[in-house]
């Protein structure tokens, strides 16, 4: 993860006008979940990408326009799916609670 900071991920160096950014944090009992995995699935459920969460539970994807599903997998937690809409020129901030 690049640029993790208090309050979320830094967008320094990211040209949001040219990117559809999906980012957020994974929490369990109000605490960040490091070393979980977040998968990006397209609208048909097809696997597109996967990233591990940072030490602060943060993740980021650069996606195309449209509806996506974030699937979060973590030890000792049930799998959680969360729908998100991505659009070039915006940042979709997502908090996933396990």
Foldseek 3Di string as FASTA:
>chain_A
DPAADPPGRDCVPPPLQAWFKEKEFEEEPRAGAFQKKKFKAPPVRHTDDMDTAHPRRMDMDTDAFDKIWIWIGDPPDDIDIDIDGTYRNDYHYDYHYD
